[in-house]
Amino acid sequence: MKKKEEEVKERGKAGRPELKLTEEQLELLTKLASIQCSPKEMGFIMGYDFRTLVKWHSDIIEQGKANGKLALRRKQMEVAMSGNPTLLIWLGKNWLNQTDVPLSESDAKILPWNDDVGI
């Protein structure tokens, strides 16, 4: 039993080695994630299986996606605050739960129920 344990220690870890990307590849991965590419698209463009990219570099992918969303939000706010009425309305509806048709108090009441139907 001891001999087998020693053999395992000598050979090292089982499975495929970690995917180490160059600085240029890491930059490309970050850019692809920031424009919201899917993992499959990233893998296809970079020449790796997407599962391998996600396994070894999910933190970079998540950070890139978050940075892309942040840039989009920033631009949306910039355009909206410059006076774009369409974007102001859209942001109001989606972020502030505003509606086109305000509900009045009478609209929210339950209709009366009457079982006495005269035929």
PDB file of N, CA and C in Angstrom:
ATOM      1  N   MET A   1       0.838  -1.198   0.000  1.00  0.00           N
ATOM      2  CA  MET A   1       0.000   0.000   0.000  1.00  0.00           C
ATOM      3  C   MET A   1       0.872   1.247   0.000  1.00  0.00           C
ATOM      4  N   LYS A   2       1.934   1.225   0.781  1.00  0.00           N
ATOM      5  CA  LYS A   2       2.817   2.377   0.847  1.00  0.00           C
ATOM      6  C   LYS A   2       3.461   2.658  -0.505  1.00  0.00           C
ATOM      7  N   LYS A   3       3.790   1.597  -1.214  1.00  0.00           N
ATOM      8  CA  LYS A   3       4.472   1.744  -2.499  1.00  0.00           C
ATOM      9  C   LYS A   3       3.581   2.507  -3.491  1.00  0.00           C
ATOM     10  N   LYS A   4       2.277   2.210  -3.512  1.00  0.00           N
ATOM     11  CA  LYS A   4       1.352   2.890  -4.410  1.00  0.00           C
ATOM     12  C   LYS A   4       1.247   4.366  -4.064  1.00  0.00           C
ATOM     13  N   GLU A   5       1.169   4.712  -2.798  1.00  0.00           N
ATOM     14  CA  GLU A   5       1.081   6.111  -2.371  1.00  0.00           C
ATOM     15  C   GLU A   5       2.324   6.877  -2.802  1.00  0.00           C
ATOM     16  N   GLU A   6       3.490   6.253  -2.680  1.00  0.00           N
ATOM     17  CA  GLU A   6       4.730   6.899  -3.095  1.00  0.00           C
ATOM     18  C   GLU A   6       4.747   7.138  -4.601  1.00  0.00           C
ATOM     19  N   GLU A   7       4.231   6.163  -5.364  1.00  0.00           N
ATOM     20  CA  GLU A   7       4.181   6.315  -6.816  1.00  0.00           C
ATOM     21  C   GLU A   7       3.289   7.490  -7.215  1.00  0.00           C
ATOM     22  N   VAL A   8       2.160   7.644  -6.533  1.00  0.00           N
ATOM     23  CA  VAL A   8       1.239   8.737  -6.833  1.00  0.00           C
ATOM     24  C   VAL A   8       1.916  10.071  -6.545  1.00  0.00           C
ATOM     25  N   LYS A   9       2.619  10.172  -5.439  1.00  0.00           N
ATOM     26  CA  LYS A   9       3.308  11.412  -5.086  1.00  0.00           C
ATOM     27  C   LYS A   9       4.384  11.753  -6.105  1.00  0.00           C
ATOM     28  N   GLU A  10       5.060  10.780  -6.605  1.00  0.00           N
ATOM     29  CA  GLU A  10       6.119  11.011  -7.582  1.00  0.00           C
ATOM     30  C   GLU A  10       5.558  11.484  -8.915  1.00  0.00           C
ATOM     31  N   ARG A  11       4.441  10.926  -9.321  1.00  0.00           N
ATOM     32  CA  ARG A  11       3.862  11.275 -10.615  1.00  0.00           C
ATOM     33  C   ARG A  11       3.214  12.653 -10.605  1.00  0.00           C
ATOM     34  N   GLY A  12       2.752  13.113  -9.500  1.00  0.00           N
ATOM     35  CA  GLY A  12       2.085  14.409  -9.441  1.00  0.00           C
ATOM     36  C   GLY A  12       0.580  14.275  -9.565  1.00  0.00           C
ATOM     37  N   LYS A  13      -0.069  15.403  -9.879  1.00  0.00           N
ATOM     38  CA  LYS A  13      -1.525  15.434  -9.985  1.00  0.00           C
ATOM     39  C   LYS A  13      -2.006  14.674 -11.207  1.00  0.00           C
ATOM     40  N   ALA A  14      -3.180  14.087 -11.053  1.00  0.00           N
ATOM     41  CA  ALA A  14      -3.812  13.411 -12.183  1.00  0.00           C
ATOM     42  C   ALA A  14      -4.604  14.434 -12.988  1.00  0.00           C
ATOM     43  N   GLY A  15      -4.893  14.111 -14.223  1.00  0.00           N
ATOM     44  CA  GLY A  15      -5.712  14.998 -15.051  1.00  0.00           C
ATOM     45  C   GLY A  15      -4.866  15.944 -15.882  1.00  0.00           C
ATOM     46  N   ARG A  16      -5.566  16.792 -16.625  1.00  0.00           N
ATOM     47  CA  ARG A  16      -4.881  17.732 -17.506  1.00  0.00           C
ATOM     48  C   ARG A  16      -4.276  18.873 -16.704  1.00  0.00           C
ATOM     49  N   PRO A  17      -3.170  19.413 -17.188  1.00  0.00           N
ATOM     50  CA  PRO A  17      -2.557  20.541 -16.485  1.00  0.00           C
ATOM     51  C   PRO A  17      -3.385  21.812 -16.673  1.00  0.00           C
ATOM     52  N   GLU A  18      -3.134  22.777 -15.824  1.00  0.00           N
ATOM     53  CA  GLU A  18      -3.842  24.057 -15.869  1.00  0.00           C
ATOM     54  C   GLU A  18      -3.592  24.757 -17.200  1.00  0.00           C
ATOM     55  N   LEU A  19      -4.624  25.411 -17.712  1.00  0.00           N
ATOM     56  CA  LEU A  19      -4.494  26.174 -18.955  1.00  0.00           C
ATOM     57  C   LEU A  19      -3.896  27.535 -18.622  1.00  0.00           C
ATOM     58  N   LYS A  20      -2.663  27.747 -19.032  1.00  0.00           N
ATOM     59  CA  LYS A  20      -1.993  29.018 -18.775  1.00  0.00           C
ATOM     60  C   LYS A  20      -2.001  29.836 -20.063  1.00  0.00           C
ATOM     61  N   LEU A  21      -2.614  31.008 -19.992  1.00  0.00           N
ATOM     62  CA  LEU A  21      -2.712  31.880 -21.150  1.00  0.00           C
ATOM     63  C   LEU A  21      -1.659  32.979 -21.079  1.00  0.00           C
ATOM     64  N   THR A  22      -1.239  33.448 -22.257  1.00  0.00           N
ATOM     65  CA  THR A  22      -0.292  34.562 -22.303  1.00  0.00           C
ATOM     66  C   THR A  22      -1.031  35.851 -21.955  1.00  0.00           C
ATOM     67  N   GLU A  23      -0.290  36.927 -21.750  1.00  0.00           N
ATOM     68  CA  GLU A  23      -0.902  38.225 -21.442  1.00  0.00           C
ATOM     69  C   GLU A  23      -1.846  38.657 -22.565  1.00  0.00           C
ATOM     70  N   GLU A  24      -1.431  38.438 -23.802  1.00  0.00           N
ATOM     71  CA  GLU A  24      -2.262  38.819 -24.944  1.00  0.00           C
ATOM     72  C   GLU A  24      -3.555  38.006 -24.962  1.00  0.00           C
ATOM     73  N   GLN A  25      -3.450  36.721 -24.652  1.00  0.00           N
ATOM     74  CA  GLN A  25      -4.636  35.866 -24.632  1.00  0.00           C
ATOM     75  C   GLN A  25      -5.577  36.262 -23.492  1.00  0.00           C
ATOM     76  N   LEU A  26      -5.007  36.611 -22.342  1.00  0.00           N
ATOM     77  CA  LEU A  26      -5.831  37.054 -21.214  1.00  0.00           C
ATOM     78  C   LEU A  26      -6.551  38.354 -21.555  1.00  0.00           C
ATOM     79  N   GLU A  27      -5.862  39.243 -22.252  1.00  0.00           N
ATOM     80  CA  GLU A  27      -6.473  40.511 -22.666  1.00  0.00           C
ATOM     81  C   GLU A  27      -7.609  40.254 -23.654  1.00  0.00           C
ATOM     82  N   LEU A  28      -7.394  39.347 -24.599  1.00  0.00           N
ATOM     83  CA  LEU A  28      -8.434  38.998 -25.564  1.00  0.00           C
ATOM     84  C   LEU A  28      -9.632  38.377 -24.854  1.00  0.00           C
ATOM     85  N   LEU A  29      -9.386  37.483 -23.918  1.00  0.00           N
ATOM     86  CA  LEU A  29     -10.459  36.844 -23.165  1.00  0.00           C
ATOM     87  C   LEU A  29     -11.277  37.889 -22.410  1.00  0.00           C
ATOM     88  N   THR A  30     -10.606  38.849 -21.798  1.00  0.00           N
ATOM     89  CA  THR A  30     -11.287  39.918 -21.071  1.00  0.00           C
ATOM     90  C   THR A  30     -12.141  40.756 -22.015  1.00  0.00           C
ATOM     91  N   LYS A  31     -11.611  41.089 -23.185  1.00  0.00           N
ATOM     92  CA  LYS A  31     -12.358  41.888 -24.159  1.00  0.00           C
ATOM     93  C   LYS A  31     -13.576  41.132 -24.683  1.00  0.00           C
ATOM     94  N   LEU A  32     -13.392  39.845 -24.967  1.00  0.00           N
ATOM     95  CA  LEU A  32     -14.514  39.037 -25.444  1.00  0.00           C
ATOM     96  C   LEU A  32     -15.615  38.958 -24.388  1.00  0.00           C
ATOM     97  N   ALA A  33     -15.223  38.791 -23.147  1.00  0.00           N
ATOM     98  CA  ALA A  33     -16.202  38.731 -22.055  1.00  0.00           C
ATOM     99  C   ALA A  33     -16.899  40.076 -21.884  1.00  0.00           C
ATOM    100  N   SER A  34     -16.162  41.178 -22.070  1.00  0.00           N
ATOM    101  CA  SER A  34     -16.755  42.506 -21.852  1.00  0.00           C
ATOM    102  C   SER A  34     -17.804  42.843 -22.909  1.00  0.00           C
ATOM    103  N   ILE A  35     -17.734  42.221 -24.092  1.00  0.00           N
ATOM    104  CA  ILE A  35     -18.788  42.443 -25.084  1.00  0.00           C
ATOM    105  C   ILE A  35     -19.829  41.322 -25.025  1.00  0.00           C
ATOM    106  N   GLN A  36     -19.840  40.594 -23.911  1.00  0.00           N
ATOM    107  CA  GLN A  36     -20.848  39.594 -23.576  1.00  0.00           C
ATOM    108  C   GLN A  36     -20.869  38.406 -24.531  1.00  0.00           C
ATOM    109  N   CYS A  37     -19.694  37.990 -25.028  1.00  0.00           N
ATOM    110  CA  CYS A  37     -19.616  36.761 -25.825  1.00  0.00           C
ATOM    111  C   CYS A  37     -19.959  35.577 -24.925  1.00  0.00           C
ATOM    112  N   SER A  38     -20.552  34.558 -25.505  1.00  0.00           N
ATOM    113  CA  SER A  38     -20.832  33.347 -24.739  1.00  0.00           C
ATOM    114  C   SER A  38     -19.523  32.574 -24.579  1.00  0.00           C
ATOM    115  N   PRO A  39     -19.452  31.684 -23.583  1.00  0.00           N
ATOM    116  CA  PRO A  39     -18.250  30.871 -23.437  1.00  0.00           C
ATOM    117  C   PRO A  39     -17.913  30.075 -24.697  1.00  0.00           C
ATOM    118  N   LYS A  40     -18.938  29.579 -25.399  1.00  0.00           N
ATOM    119  CA  LYS A  40     -18.688  28.835 -26.643  1.00  0.00           C
ATOM    120  C   LYS A  40     -18.020  29.729 -27.678  1.00  0.00           C
ATOM    121  N   GLU A  41     -18.494  30.966 -27.803  1.00  0.00           N
ATOM    122  CA  GLU A  41     -17.898  31.901 -28.757  1.00  0.00           C
ATOM    123  C   GLU A  41     -16.452  32.210 -28.377  1.00  0.00           C
ATOM    124  N   MET A  42     -16.217  32.424 -27.078  1.00  0.00           N
ATOM    125  CA  MET A  42     -14.852  32.702 -26.616  1.00  0.00           C
ATOM    126  C   MET A  42     -13.928  31.535 -26.945  1.00  0.00           C
ATOM    127  N   GLY A  43     -14.388  30.326 -26.664  1.00  0.00           N
ATOM    128  CA  GLY A  43     -13.585  29.141 -26.947  1.00  0.00           C
ATOM    129  C   GLY A  43     -13.296  28.992 -28.422  1.00  0.00           C
ATOM    130  N   PHE A  44     -14.296  29.243 -29.260  1.00  0.00           N
ATOM    131  CA  PHE A  44     -14.123  29.128 -30.709  1.00  0.00           C
ATOM    132  C   PHE A  44     -13.086  30.141 -31.206  1.00  0.00           C
ATOM    133  N   ILE A  45     -13.205  31.375 -30.765  1.00  0.00           N
ATOM    134  CA  ILE A  45     -12.294  32.435 -31.208  1.00  0.00           C
ATOM    135  C   ILE A  45     -10.870  32.178 -30.723  1.00  0.00           C
ATOM    136  N   MET A  46     -10.743  31.689 -29.489  1.00  0.00           N
ATOM    137  CA  MET A  46      -9.412  31.506 -28.913  1.00  0.00           C
ATOM    138  C   MET A  46      -8.803  30.142 -29.233  1.00  0.00           C
ATOM    139  N   GLY A  47      -9.606  29.226 -29.742  1.00  0.00           N
ATOM    140  CA  GLY A  47      -9.083  27.919 -30.115  1.00  0.00           C
ATOM    141  C   GLY A  47      -8.984  26.932 -28.964  1.00  0.00           C
ATOM    142  N   TYR A  48      -9.822  27.118 -27.944  1.00  0.00           N
ATOM    143  CA  TYR A  48      -9.858  26.202 -26.799  1.00  0.00           C
ATOM    144  C   TYR A  48     -11.284  25.727 -26.599  1.00  0.00           C
ATOM    145  N   ASP A  49     -11.432  24.594 -25.951  1.00  0.00           N
ATOM    146  CA  ASP A  49     -12.753  24.149 -25.566  1.00  0.00           C
ATOM    147  C   ASP A  49     -13.285  25.127 -24.516  1.00  0.00           C
ATOM    148  N   PHE A  50     -14.543  25.540 -24.671  1.00  0.00           N
ATOM    149  CA  PHE A  50     -15.095  26.543 -23.765  1.00  0.00           C
ATOM    150  C   PHE A  50     -15.121  26.077 -22.315  1.00  0.00           C
ATOM    151  N   ARG A  51     -15.281  24.775 -22.107  1.00  0.00           N
ATOM    152  CA  ARG A  51     -15.297  24.262 -20.725  1.00  0.00           C
ATOM    153  C   ARG A  51     -13.940  24.435 -20.058  1.00  0.00           C
ATOM    154  N   THR A  52     -12.883  24.309 -20.844  1.00  0.00           N
ATOM    155  CA  THR A  52     -11.533  24.498 -20.310  1.00  0.00           C
ATOM    156  C   THR A  52     -11.329  25.962 -19.921  1.00  0.00           C
ATOM    157  N   LEU A  53     -11.778  26.872 -20.783  1.00  0.00           N
ATOM    158  CA  LEU A  53     -11.663  28.303 -20.459  1.00  0.00           C
ATOM    159  C   LEU A  53     -12.423  28.643 -19.186  1.00  0.00           C
ATOM    160  N   VAL A  54     -13.645  28.134 -19.082  1.00  0.00           N
ATOM    161  CA  VAL A  54     -14.466  28.423 -17.905  1.00  0.00           C
ATOM    162  C   VAL A  54     -13.851  27.795 -16.652  1.00  0.00           C
ATOM    163  N   LYS A  55     -13.325  26.594 -16.787  1.00  0.00           N
ATOM    164  CA  LYS A  55     -12.748  25.913 -15.624  1.00  0.00           C
ATOM    165  C   LYS A  55     -11.561  26.683 -15.053  1.00  0.00           C
ATOM    166  N   TRP A  56     -10.669  27.139 -15.920  1.00  0.00           N
ATOM    167  CA  TRP A  56      -9.434  27.752 -15.445  1.00  0.00           C
ATOM    168  C   TRP A  56      -9.476  29.274 -15.360  1.00  0.00           C
ATOM    169  N   HIS A  57     -10.413  29.910 -16.064  1.00  0.00           N
ATOM    170  CA  HIS A  57     -10.396  31.376 -16.105  1.00  0.00           C
ATOM    171  C   HIS A  57     -11.777  31.987 -15.907  1.00  0.00           C
ATOM    172  N   SER A  58     -12.621  31.357 -15.129  1.00  0.00           N
ATOM    173  CA  SER A  58     -13.974  31.882 -14.900  1.00  0.00           C
ATOM    174  C   SER A  58     -13.943  33.233 -14.201  1.00  0.00           C
ATOM    175  N   ASP A  59     -12.950  33.461 -13.351  1.00  0.00           N
ATOM    176  CA  ASP A  59     -12.863  34.745 -12.652  1.00  0.00           C
ATOM    177  C   ASP A  59     -12.617  35.888 -13.638  1.00  0.00           C
ATOM    178  N   ILE A  60     -11.767  35.668 -14.622  1.00  0.00           N
ATOM    179  CA  ILE A  60     -11.479  36.683 -15.630  1.00  0.00           C
ATOM    180  C   ILE A  60     -12.707  36.908 -16.508  1.00  0.00           C
ATOM    181  N   ILE A  61     -13.402  35.831 -16.856  1.00  0.00           N
ATOM    182  CA  ILE A  61     -14.610  35.940 -17.670  1.00  0.00           C
ATOM    183  C   ILE A  61     -15.676  36.740 -16.922  1.00  0.00           C
ATOM    184  N   GLU A  62     -15.903  36.419 -15.661  1.00  0.00           N
ATOM    185  CA  GLU A  62     -16.918  37.126 -14.875  1.00  0.00           C
ATOM    186  C   GLU A  62     -16.569  38.600 -14.720  1.00  0.00           C
ATOM    187  N   GLN A  63     -15.312  38.893 -14.466  1.00  0.00           N
ATOM    188  CA  GLN A  63     -14.884  40.286 -14.320  1.00  0.00           C
ATOM    189  C   GLN A  63     -15.056  41.042 -15.641  1.00  0.00           C
ATOM    190  N   GLY A  64     -14.705  40.418 -16.759  1.00  0.00           N
ATOM    191  CA  GLY A  64     -14.875  41.044 -18.068  1.00  0.00           C
ATOM    192  C   GLY A  64     -16.336  41.331 -18.370  1.00  0.00           C
ATOM    193  N   LYS A  65     -17.216  40.374 -18.073  1.00  0.00           N
ATOM    194  CA  LYS A  65     -18.647  40.578 -18.298  1.00  0.00           C
ATOM    195  C   LYS A  65     -19.178  41.714 -17.436  1.00  0.00           C
ATOM    196  N   ALA A  66     -18.755  41.764 -16.179  1.00  0.00           N
ATOM    197  CA  ALA A  66     -19.197  42.832 -15.280  1.00  0.00           C
ATOM    198  C   ALA A  66     -18.709  44.196 -15.768  1.00  0.00           C
ATOM    199  N   ASN A  67     -17.480  44.266 -16.243  1.00  0.00           N
ATOM    200  CA  ASN A  67     -16.953  45.530 -16.763  1.00  0.00           C
ATOM    201  C   ASN A  67     -17.717  45.981 -18.001  1.00  0.00           C
ATOM    202  N   GLY A  68     -18.092  45.047 -18.852  1.00  0.00           N
ATOM    203  CA  GLY A  68     -18.878  45.382 -20.043  1.00  0.00           C
ATOM    204  C   GLY A  68     -20.245  45.932 -19.679  1.00  0.00           C
ATOM    205  N   LYS A  69     -20.904  45.312 -18.707  1.00  0.00           N
ATOM    206  CA  LYS A  69     -22.215  45.795 -18.256  1.00  0.00           C
ATOM    207  C   LYS A  69     -22.094  47.168 -17.615  1.00  0.00           C
ATOM    208  N   LEU A  70     -21.032  47.379 -16.862  1.00  0.00           N
ATOM    209  CA  LEU A  70     -20.799  48.679 -16.229  1.00  0.00           C
ATOM    210  C   LEU A  70     -20.623  49.768 -17.283  1.00  0.00           C
ATOM    211  N   ALA A  71     -19.851  49.477 -18.330  1.00  0.00           N
ATOM    212  CA  ALA A  71     -19.641  50.450 -19.401  1.00  0.00           C
ATOM    213  C   ALA A  71     -20.959  50.773 -20.111  1.00  0.00           C
ATOM    214  N   LEU A  72     -21.793  49.760 -20.321  1.00  0.00           N
ATOM    215  CA  LEU A  72     -23.081  49.972 -20.971  1.00  0.00           C
ATOM    216  C   LEU A  72     -23.991  50.834 -20.099  1.00  0.00           C
ATOM    217  N   ARG A  73     -24.053  50.540 -18.817  1.00  0.00           N
ATOM    218  CA  ARG A  73     -24.862  51.353 -17.895  1.00  0.00           C
ATOM    219  C   ARG A  73     -24.398  52.804 -17.889  1.00  0.00           C
ATOM    220  N   ARG A  74     -23.089  52.974 -17.833  1.00  0.00           N
ATOM    221  CA  ARG A  74     -22.524  54.326 -17.816  1.00  0.00           C
ATOM    222  C   ARG A  74     -22.956  55.091 -19.068  1.00  0.00           C
ATOM    223  N   LYS A  75     -22.863  54.442 -20.232  1.00  0.00           N
ATOM    224  CA  LYS A  75     -23.243  55.084 -21.493  1.00  0.00           C
ATOM    225  C   LYS A  75     -24.745  55.364 -21.526  1.00  0.00           C
ATOM    226  N   GLN A  76     -25.557  54.425 -21.035  1.00  0.00           N
ATOM    227  CA  GLN A  76     -27.000  54.644 -20.993  1.00  0.00           C
ATOM    228  C   GLN A  76     -27.341  55.879 -20.153  1.00  0.00           C
ATOM    229  N   MET A  77     -26.716  55.984 -18.996  1.00  0.00           N
ATOM    230  CA  MET A  77     -26.980  57.133 -18.126  1.00  0.00           C
ATOM    231  C   MET A  77     -26.522  58.424 -18.791  1.00  0.00           C
ATOM    232  N   GLU A  78     -25.392  58.371 -19.445  1.00  0.00           N
ATOM    233  CA  GLU A  78     -24.849  59.537 -20.145  1.00  0.00           C
ATOM    234  C   GLU A  78     -25.829  60.018 -21.224  1.00  0.00           C
ATOM    235  N   VAL A  79     -26.300  59.076 -22.039  1.00  0.00           N
ATOM    236  CA  VAL A  79     -27.223  59.410 -23.128  1.00  0.00           C
ATOM    237  C   VAL A  79     -28.565  59.877 -22.560  1.00  0.00           C
ATOM    238  N   ALA A  80     -29.061  59.186 -21.538  1.00  0.00           N
ATOM    239  CA  ALA A  80     -30.342  59.567 -20.930  1.00  0.00           C
ATOM    240  C   ALA A  80     -30.255  60.968 -20.330  1.00  0.00           C
ATOM    241  N   MET A  81     -29.192  61.242 -19.617  1.00  0.00           N
ATOM    242  CA  MET A  81     -29.059  62.538 -18.947  1.00  0.00           C
ATOM    243  C   MET A  81     -28.780  63.669 -19.935  1.00  0.00           C
ATOM    244  N   SER A  82     -28.385  63.325 -21.149  1.00  0.00           N
ATOM    245  CA  SER A  82     -28.200  64.367 -22.161  1.00  0.00           C
ATOM    246  C   SER A  82     -29.546  64.773 -22.754  1.00  0.00           C
ATOM    247  N   GLY A  83     -30.618  64.105 -22.333  1.00  0.00           N
ATOM    248  CA  GLY A  83     -31.958  64.499 -22.739  1.00  0.00           C
ATOM    249  C   GLY A  83     -32.645  63.562 -23.698  1.00  0.00           C
ATOM    250  N   ASN A  84     -32.185  62.341 -23.849  1.00  0.00           N
ATOM    251  CA  ASN A  84     -32.822  61.387 -24.746  1.00  0.00           C
ATOM    252  C   ASN A  84     -34.116  60.875 -24.097  1.00  0.00           C
ATOM    253  N   PRO A  85     -35.293  61.344 -24.574  1.00  0.00           N
ATOM    254  CA  PRO A  85     -36.546  60.975 -23.901  1.00  0.00           C
ATOM    255  C   PRO A  85     -36.863  59.483 -23.955  1.00  0.00           C
ATOM    256  N   THR A  86     -36.529  58.824 -25.053  1.00  0.00           N
ATOM    257  CA  THR A  86     -36.818  57.388 -25.168  1.00  0.00           C
ATOM    258  C   THR A  86     -36.053  56.604 -24.114  1.00  0.00           C
ATOM    259  N   LEU A  87     -34.784  56.912 -23.977  1.00  0.00           N
ATOM    260  CA  LEU A  87     -33.974  56.195 -22.994  1.00  0.00           C
ATOM    261  C   LEU A  87     -34.383  56.560 -21.572  1.00  0.00           C
ATOM    262  N   LEU A  88     -34.768  57.809 -21.341  1.00  0.00           N
ATOM    263  CA  LEU A  88     -35.241  58.205 -20.010  1.00  0.00           C
ATOM    264  C   LEU A  88     -36.500  57.419 -19.624  1.00  0.00           C
ATOM    265  N   ILE A  89     -37.418  57.275 -20.574  1.00  0.00           N
ATOM    266  CA  ILE A  89     -38.645  56.515 -20.303  1.00  0.00           C
ATOM    267  C   ILE A  89     -38.319  55.050 -20.055  1.00  0.00           C
ATOM    268  N   TRP A  90     -37.461  54.467 -20.917  1.00  0.00           N
ATOM    269  CA  TRP A  90     -37.106  53.058 -20.756  1.00  0.00           C
ATOM    270  C   TRP A  90     -36.439  52.800 -19.405  1.00  0.00           C
ATOM    271  N   LEU A  91     -35.487  53.650 -19.042  1.00  0.00           N
ATOM    272  CA  LEU A  91     -34.809  53.471 -17.751  1.00  0.00           C
ATOM    273  C   LEU A  91     -35.785  53.651 -16.591  1.00  0.00           C
ATOM    274  N   GLY A  92     -36.684  54.615 -16.716  1.00  0.00           N
ATOM    275  CA  GLY A  92     -37.689  54.822 -15.664  1.00  0.00           C
ATOM    276  C   GLY A  92     -38.565  53.601 -15.473  1.00  0.00           C
ATOM    277  N   LYS A  93     -38.983  52.996 -16.575  1.00  0.00           N
ATOM    278  CA  LYS A  93     -39.839  51.812 -16.482  1.00  0.00           C
ATOM    279  C   LYS A  93     -39.090  50.616 -15.918  1.00  0.00           C
ATOM    280  N   ASN A  94     -37.855  50.431 -16.360  1.00  0.00           N
ATOM    281  CA  ASN A  94     -37.117  49.232 -15.967  1.00  0.00           C
ATOM    282  C   ASN A  94     -36.403  49.356 -14.639  1.00  0.00           C
ATOM    283  N   TRP A  95     -35.884  50.512 -14.326  1.00  0.00           N
ATOM    284  CA  TRP A  95     -35.118  50.653 -13.087  1.00  0.00           C
ATOM    285  C   TRP A  95     -35.948  51.225 -11.943  1.00  0.00           C
ATOM    286  N   LEU A  96     -36.968  52.017 -12.281  1.00  0.00           N
ATOM    287  CA  LEU A  96     -37.760  52.688 -11.243  1.00  0.00           C
ATOM    288  C   LEU A  96     -39.183  52.142 -11.151  1.00  0.00           C
ATOM    289  N   ASN A  97     -39.490  51.102 -11.927  1.00  0.00           N
ATOM    290  CA  ASN A  97     -40.817  50.470 -11.936  1.00  0.00           C
ATOM    291  C   ASN A  97     -41.937  51.456 -12.247  1.00  0.00           C
ATOM    292  N   GLN A  98     -41.664  52.414 -13.105  1.00  0.00           N
ATOM    293  CA  GLN A  98     -42.686  53.361 -13.519  1.00  0.00           C
ATOM    294  C   GLN A  98     -43.515  52.731 -14.638  1.00  0.00           C
ATOM    295  N   THR A  99     -44.771  53.174 -14.769  1.00  0.00           N
ATOM    296  CA  THR A  99     -45.641  52.641 -15.814  1.00  0.00           C
ATOM    297  C   THR A  99     -46.241  53.778 -16.625  1.00  0.00           C
ATOM    298  N   ASP A 100     -46.759  53.442 -17.806  1.00  0.00           N
ATOM    299  CA  ASP A 100     -47.438  54.433 -18.645  1.00  0.00           C
ATOM    300  C   ASP A 100     -48.801  54.803 -18.085  1.00  0.00           C
ATOM    301  N   VAL A 101     -49.487  53.824 -17.491  1.00  0.00           N
ATOM    302  CA  VAL A 101     -50.835  54.037 -16.981  1.00  0.00           C
ATOM    303  C   VAL A 101     -50.793  53.959 -15.455  1.00  0.00           C
ATOM    304  N   PRO A 102     -50.851  55.106 -14.800  1.00  0.00           N
ATOM    305  CA  PRO A 102     -50.847  55.053 -13.337  1.00  0.00           C
ATOM    306  C   PRO A 102     -52.163  54.464 -12.824  1.00  0.00           C
ATOM    307  N   LEU A 103     -52.090  53.662 -11.786  1.00  0.00           N
ATOM    308  CA  LEU A 103     -53.276  53.062 -11.184  1.00  0.00           C
ATOM    309  C   LEU A 103     -53.876  54.039 -10.191  1.00  0.00           C
ATOM    310  N   SER A 104     -55.168  54.237 -10.309  1.00  0.00           N
ATOM    311  CA  SER A 104     -55.834  55.067  -9.303  1.00  0.00           C
ATOM    312  C   SER A 104     -56.298  54.152  -8.187  1.00  0.00           C
ATOM    313  N   GLU A 105     -56.684  54.740  -7.092  1.00  0.00           N
ATOM    314  CA  GLU A 105     -57.110  53.947  -5.941  1.00  0.00           C
ATOM    315  C   GLU A 105     -58.364  53.149  -6.266  1.00  0.00           C
ATOM    316  N   SER A 106     -59.251  53.718  -7.076  1.00  0.00           N
ATOM    317  CA  SER A 106     -60.498  53.019  -7.415  1.00  0.00           C
ATOM    318  C   SER A 106     -60.228  51.826  -8.336  1.00  0.00           C
ATOM    319  N   ASP A 107     -59.161  51.866  -9.131  1.00  0.00           N
ATOM    320  CA  ASP A 107     -58.833  50.748 -10.017  1.00  0.00           C
ATOM    321  C   ASP A 107     -58.383  49.520  -9.245  1.00  0.00           C
ATOM    322  N   ALA A 108     -57.856  49.713  -8.053  1.00  0.00           N
ATOM    323  CA  ALA A 108     -57.304  48.615  -7.280  1.00  0.00           C
ATOM    324  C   ALA A 108     -58.359  47.895  -6.444  1.00  0.00           C
ATOM    325  N   LYS A 109     -59.603  48.435  -6.396  1.00  0.00           N
ATOM    326  CA  LYS A 109     -60.645  47.817  -5.575  1.00  0.00           C
ATOM    327  C   LYS A 109     -61.221  46.577  -6.255  1.00  0.00           C
ATOM    328  N   ILE A 110     -61.634  45.620  -5.442  1.00  0.00           N
ATOM    329  CA  ILE A 110     -62.260  44.397  -5.936  1.00  0.00           C
ATOM    330  C   ILE A 110     -63.698  44.716  -6.326  1.00  0.00           C
ATOM    331  N   LEU A 111     -64.136  44.168  -7.446  1.00  0.00           N
ATOM    332  CA  LEU A 111     -65.511  44.378  -7.885  1.00  0.00           C
ATOM    333  C   LEU A 111     -66.473  43.641  -6.952  1.00  0.00           C
ATOM    334  N   PRO A 112     -67.657  44.209  -6.723  1.00  0.00           N
ATOM    335  CA  PRO A 112     -68.615  43.540  -5.824  1.00  0.00           C
ATOM    336  C   PRO A 112     -69.163  42.267  -6.466  1.00  0.00           C
ATOM    337  N   TRP A 113     -69.462  41.299  -5.630  1.00  0.00           N
ATOM    338  CA  TRP A 113     -69.986  40.014  -6.098  1.00  0.00           C
ATOM    339  C   TRP A 113     -71.461  39.930  -5.710  1.00  0.00           C
ATOM    340  N   ASN A 114     -72.276  39.538  -6.659  1.00  0.00           N
ATOM    341  CA  ASN A 114     -73.686  39.444  -6.378  1.00  0.00           C
ATOM    342  C   ASN A 114     -74.207  38.144  -6.978  1.00  0.00           C
ATOM    343  N   ASP A 115     -74.714  37.272  -6.088  1.00  0.00           N
ATOM    344  CA  ASP A 115     -75.274  35.990  -6.542  1.00  0.00           C
ATOM    345  C   ASP A 115     -76.740  36.119  -6.953  1.00  0.00           C
ATOM    346  N   ASP A 116     -77.370  37.240  -6.646  1.00  0.00           N
ATOM    347  CA  ASP A 116     -78.782  37.422  -6.965  1.00  0.00           C
ATOM    348  C   ASP A 116     -78.909  37.889  -8.411  1.00  0.00           C
ATOM    349  N   VAL A 117     -78.979  36.925  -9.290  1.00  0.00           N
ATOM    350  CA  VAL A 117     -79.090  37.241 -10.687  1.00  0.00           C
ATOM    351  C   VAL A 117     -80.544  37.099 -11.085  1.00  0.00           C
ATOM    352  N   GLY A 118     -81.124  38.170 -11.553  1.00  0.00           N
ATOM    353  CA  GLY A 118     -82.534  38.105 -11.968  1.00  0.00           C
ATOM    354  C   GLY A 118     -82.635  37.799 -13.442  1.00  0.00           C
ATOM    355  N   ILE A 119     -83.325  36.698 -13.728  1.00  0.00           N
ATOM    356  CA  ILE A 119     -83.489  36.321 -15.125  1.00  0.00           C
ATOM    357  C   ILE A 119     -84.931  36.490 -15.531  1.00  0.00           C
TER     358      ILE A 119
END
